[in-house]
Structure formats: C-alpha cells, structure tokens
C-alpha cells in the first residue's frame, strides 16, 4: 500500500517486538501490546536506575526547586497553598504505609510548589522531566528506610511552613537541605 518492501517492515516489527511494544504471533500477525504502568513500577525497574544519574538530577532539582520555592513563598495564592498542603498530607499518609512508595505524592508536592512560583518556564521544565523525577523519587524512596521517609516528611513540612509564612530565603534553604538529605540517601544506597 505504501510502496515499502517487506524487509524494512520486518525489521521495524522486530525492533518494536524487542522493545515490548508489540507481540508477533506466528501465522497471526503483529499486535500492539497493552501497556501496564503498574508493571513499569516493578522493583526491578528501580534497581536498573543508575545512582549517578539520580545524583545529577538532584543537582538540577536543587537549582530549580530552591528558586521555585523562593518564588512560591512570594507569589502563591491561597488556593495554591491549599493544594501544596493537600500534597503534603498525601505524602504523610505514605510514610507509615510500607505497601506504598509515596513517589507520586512526593512528586505532586514538589510540582505544586513549582506551579505556585508562577513561572511557566520552570513549570514546563519540571513537567517535561516529570517521568525522570518520578523515577528518581521512586528510586530514593524505595531505597530508604522508614526513618529516612520520616526525614523527608519533616523536610516537606519545613518547606511548606516557609512558603505559607512568605519566607523566600527560608523556603529556598529548606529545599536545598531537603534535597541534600535525598542526595545523601542515594549515595549511601550505592
């Protein structure tokens, strides 16, 4: 139909099959596989994340998120403060639940802070890297013990209070301290 020979089609199907996107059935053709996001959060996936890459992402997060928190302390609306508080509470629930990693609630907390900074470029940068953020958060939270997760919760509380009280320097410092704690957890787990 498209004037393409069978060889490149077979090669393309082979690559898609090896990538796990399609399954080929002998005599029955090729079918797109159903993607199950839960399977992508398998503990084996976490083990395949390289710690060096997580550390580089943390460096970038320190730069972006400390400034975003500072701006959020100055610019946040009452509605945005409520959203940040809800994200904080959602993460708190995961601290005592050994069945839940808490990376989605953690991501939402940090995302809501960047959103409250009212800088569309910062927000787009964080959203564009959202999948990497989630992967890194899952890696660090999965590796951490309950006490470390309590530390994350305390750090989040300090960040929230600084934003709530309109203290830009304290908000930036709280984020830097928090991400330094995360960096230390990742380094210990290597």
Protein backbone atom coordinates (compact mmCIF):
# COMPACT_ATOMS: atom_id res chain seq x y z
CA UNK A 1 0.00 0.00 0.00
CA UNK A 2 2.83 2.45 0.87
CA UNK A 3 5.32 1.08 -1.64
CA UNK A 4 7.71 -0.25 1.04
CA UNK A 5 9.36 -3.62 0.69
CA UNK A 6 8.86 -6.34 3.29
CA UNK A 7 12.46 -6.27 4.64
CA UNK A 8 12.24 -2.84 6.36
CA UNK A 9 8.75 -3.71 7.64
CA UNK A 10 10.07 -6.94 9.19
CA UNK A 11 12.99 -5.02 10.74
CA UNK A 12 10.67 -2.37 12.19
CA UNK A 13 8.36 -5.04 13.61
CA UNK A 14 11.38 -6.82 15.09
CA UNK A 15 12.52 -3.63 16.85
CA UNK A 16 9.00 -2.96 18.17
CA UNK A 17 8.76 -6.54 19.39
CA UNK A 18 12.15 -6.36 21.13
CA UNK A 19 11.04 -3.11 22.77
CA UNK A 20 7.99 -4.89 24.14
CA UNK A 21 5.53 -2.67 22.29
CA UNK A 22 4.07 -5.36 20.05
CA UNK A 23 3.78 -9.10 20.08
CA UNK A 24 4.06 -11.17 16.96
CA UNK A 25 2.02 -14.32 16.64
CA UNK A 26 3.20 -16.88 14.15
CA UNK A 27 0.70 -17.01 11.35
CA UNK A 28 -1.44 -14.41 13.11
CA UNK A 29 0.27 -11.09 12.54
CA UNK A 30 1.59 -8.45 14.95
CA UNK A 31 -0.46 -6.79 17.69
CA UNK A 32 0.15 -3.75 19.86
CA UNK A 33 0.60 -4.83 23.47
CA UNK A 34 -1.39 -3.30 26.26
CA UNK A 35 0.92 -1.09 28.35
CA UNK A 36 0.52 -1.65 32.07
CA UNK A 37 2.02 1.22 34.07
CA UNK A 38 1.95 -0.84 37.26
CA UNK A 39 4.41 -3.23 35.64
CA UNK A 40 6.73 -0.34 34.91
CA UNK A 41 6.91 0.35 38.67
CA UNK A 42 8.27 -3.11 39.31
CA UNK A 43 11.12 -3.15 41.88
CA UNK A 44 13.44 -4.43 39.14
CA UNK A 45 12.86 -1.14 37.31
CA UNK A 46 14.13 0.75 40.35
CA UNK A 47 17.23 -1.40 40.53
CA UNK A 48 18.09 -0.52 36.93
CA UNK A 49 18.26 3.22 37.63
CA UNK A 50 21.85 4.39 37.82
CA UNK A 51 22.64 6.30 41.02
CA UNK A 52 24.96 8.72 39.17
CA UNK A 53 22.07 9.86 37.00
CA UNK A 54 19.85 10.29 40.05
CA UNK A 55 22.57 12.44 41.67
CA UNK A 56 22.80 14.63 38.57
CA UNK A 57 19.03 15.06 38.58
CA UNK A 58 19.16 16.03 42.26
CA UNK A 59 21.76 18.70 41.44
CA UNK A 60 19.44 20.12 38.82
CA UNK A 61 16.50 19.94 41.21
CA UNK A 62 18.43 21.92 43.84
CA UNK A 63 18.97 24.71 41.33
CA UNK A 64 15.40 24.79 40.01
CA UNK A 65 13.36 23.93 43.07
CA UNK A 66 15.13 26.14 45.59
CA UNK A 67 14.39 29.18 43.42
CA UNK A 68 10.87 27.97 42.70
CA UNK A 69 10.18 27.62 46.44
CA UNK A 70 11.53 31.12 47.00
CA UNK A 71 9.19 32.48 44.33
CA UNK A 72 6.28 30.41 45.65
CA UNK A 73 6.74 31.97 49.09
CA UNK A 74 6.24 35.37 47.45
CA UNK A 75 3.66 34.57 44.76
CA UNK A 76 1.48 31.66 45.90
CA UNK A 77 -2.25 32.10 46.14
CA UNK A 78 -4.39 30.78 48.99
CA UNK A 79 -5.74 28.08 46.65
CA UNK A 80 -2.22 27.01 45.70
CA UNK A 81 -1.25 26.85 49.38
CA UNK A 82 -4.21 24.51 49.94
CA UNK A 83 -3.00 22.32 47.02
CA UNK A 84 0.52 22.18 48.47
CA UNK A 85 -0.91 21.27 51.89
CA UNK A 86 -3.04 18.50 50.35
CA UNK A 87 0.05 17.10 48.61
CA UNK A 88 1.95 17.28 51.90
CA UNK A 89 -0.83 15.36 53.66
CA UNK A 90 -0.96 12.76 50.87
CA UNK A 91 2.75 12.09 51.35
CA UNK A 92 2.34 11.89 55.15
CA UNK A 93 -0.10 9.02 54.65
CA UNK A 94 2.54 7.04 52.75
CA UNK A 95 5.21 7.43 55.46
CA UNK A 96 3.58 4.83 57.71
CA UNK A 97 2.35 2.60 54.90
CA UNK A 98 5.00 0.05 53.96
CA UNK A 99 2.95 -1.03 50.93
CA UNK A 100 3.19 2.39 49.26
CA UNK A 101 6.37 4.01 47.99
CA UNK A 102 4.95 7.54 48.03
CA UNK A 103 6.75 8.85 44.96
CA UNK A 104 3.57 10.13 43.29
CA UNK A 105 2.58 12.15 46.36
CA UNK A 106 6.17 13.38 46.67
CA UNK A 107 6.23 14.45 43.01
CA UNK A 108 2.89 16.22 43.40
CA UNK A 109 4.19 18.17 46.43
CA UNK A 110 7.22 19.44 44.52
CA UNK A 111 5.18 20.07 41.35
CA UNK A 112 2.63 22.14 43.29
CA UNK A 113 5.41 24.31 44.70
CA UNK A 114 6.85 24.96 41.24
CA UNK A 115 3.35 25.73 39.97
CA UNK A 116 2.91 28.27 42.80
CA UNK A 117 6.08 30.06 41.64
CA UNK A 118 4.06 31.40 38.68
CA UNK A 119 6.85 30.92 36.17
CA UNK A 120 5.69 28.96 33.14
CA UNK A 121 9.24 28.05 32.08
CA UNK A 122 10.04 26.48 35.45
CA UNK A 123 6.76 24.60 35.41
CA UNK A 124 7.30 23.29 31.87
CA UNK A 125 10.84 22.19 32.72
CA UNK A 126 9.59 20.19 35.72
CA UNK A 127 6.65 18.73 33.79
CA UNK A 128 8.83 17.79 30.83
CA UNK A 129 11.13 15.92 33.20
CA UNK A 130 8.23 14.53 35.22
CA UNK A 131 8.90 10.92 34.27
CA UNK A 132 12.54 11.27 35.37
CA UNK A 133 11.51 12.99 38.60
CA UNK A 134 9.10 10.15 39.39
CA UNK A 135 11.71 7.52 38.57
CA UNK A 136 14.31 9.23 40.77
CA UNK A 137 11.80 9.70 43.60
CA UNK A 138 10.77 6.07 43.40
CA UNK A 139 14.45 5.07 43.46
CA UNK A 140 15.30 7.16 46.52
CA UNK A 141 12.11 6.36 48.45
CA UNK A 142 12.30 2.67 47.62
CA UNK A 143 15.88 2.58 48.88
CA UNK A 144 15.12 4.46 52.08
CA UNK A 145 14.11 3.09 55.43
CA UNK A 146 11.10 4.32 57.38
CA UNK A 147 13.26 6.78 59.37
CA UNK A 148 14.52 8.34 56.15
CA UNK A 149 10.95 8.72 54.92
CA UNK A 150 10.11 10.46 58.20
CA UNK A 151 13.01 12.82 57.47
CA UNK A 152 11.52 13.56 54.04
CA UNK A 153 8.18 14.29 55.68
CA UNK A 154 9.82 16.67 58.18
CA UNK A 155 11.68 18.38 55.33
CA UNK A 156 8.46 18.81 53.38
CA UNK A 157 6.78 20.30 56.45
CA UNK A 158 9.59 22.84 56.82
CA UNK A 159 9.32 23.80 53.14
CA UNK A 160 5.55 24.18 53.43
CA UNK A 161 5.79 26.38 56.53
CA UNK A 162 8.30 28.71 54.86
CA UNK A 163 6.06 29.08 51.80
CA UNK A 164 2.97 29.56 53.97
CA UNK A 165 4.71 32.25 56.02
CA UNK A 166 6.03 34.08 52.94
CA UNK A 167 9.71 33.48 53.76
CA UNK A 168 11.54 33.14 50.41
CA UNK A 169 15.07 32.66 51.82
CA UNK A 170 13.90 30.03 54.32
CA UNK A 171 11.89 28.24 51.60
CA UNK A 172 14.94 28.07 49.32
CA UNK A 173 17.18 26.88 52.15
CA UNK A 174 14.62 24.25 53.23
CA UNK A 175 14.51 22.84 49.69
CA UNK A 176 18.32 22.78 49.45
CA UNK A 177 18.55 20.99 52.81
CA UNK A 178 15.83 18.52 51.80
CA UNK A 179 17.46 17.65 48.50
CA UNK A 180 20.83 17.33 50.23
CA UNK A 181 19.22 14.72 52.52
CA UNK A 182 17.91 12.94 49.41
CA UNK A 183 21.38 13.08 47.83
CA UNK A 184 22.92 11.54 50.95
CA UNK A 185 20.34 8.72 50.94
CA UNK A 186 21.14 7.93 47.31
CA UNK A 187 24.89 7.97 47.95
CA UNK A 188 24.54 5.60 50.93
CA UNK A 189 22.44 3.18 48.88
CA UNK A 190 25.05 2.88 46.10
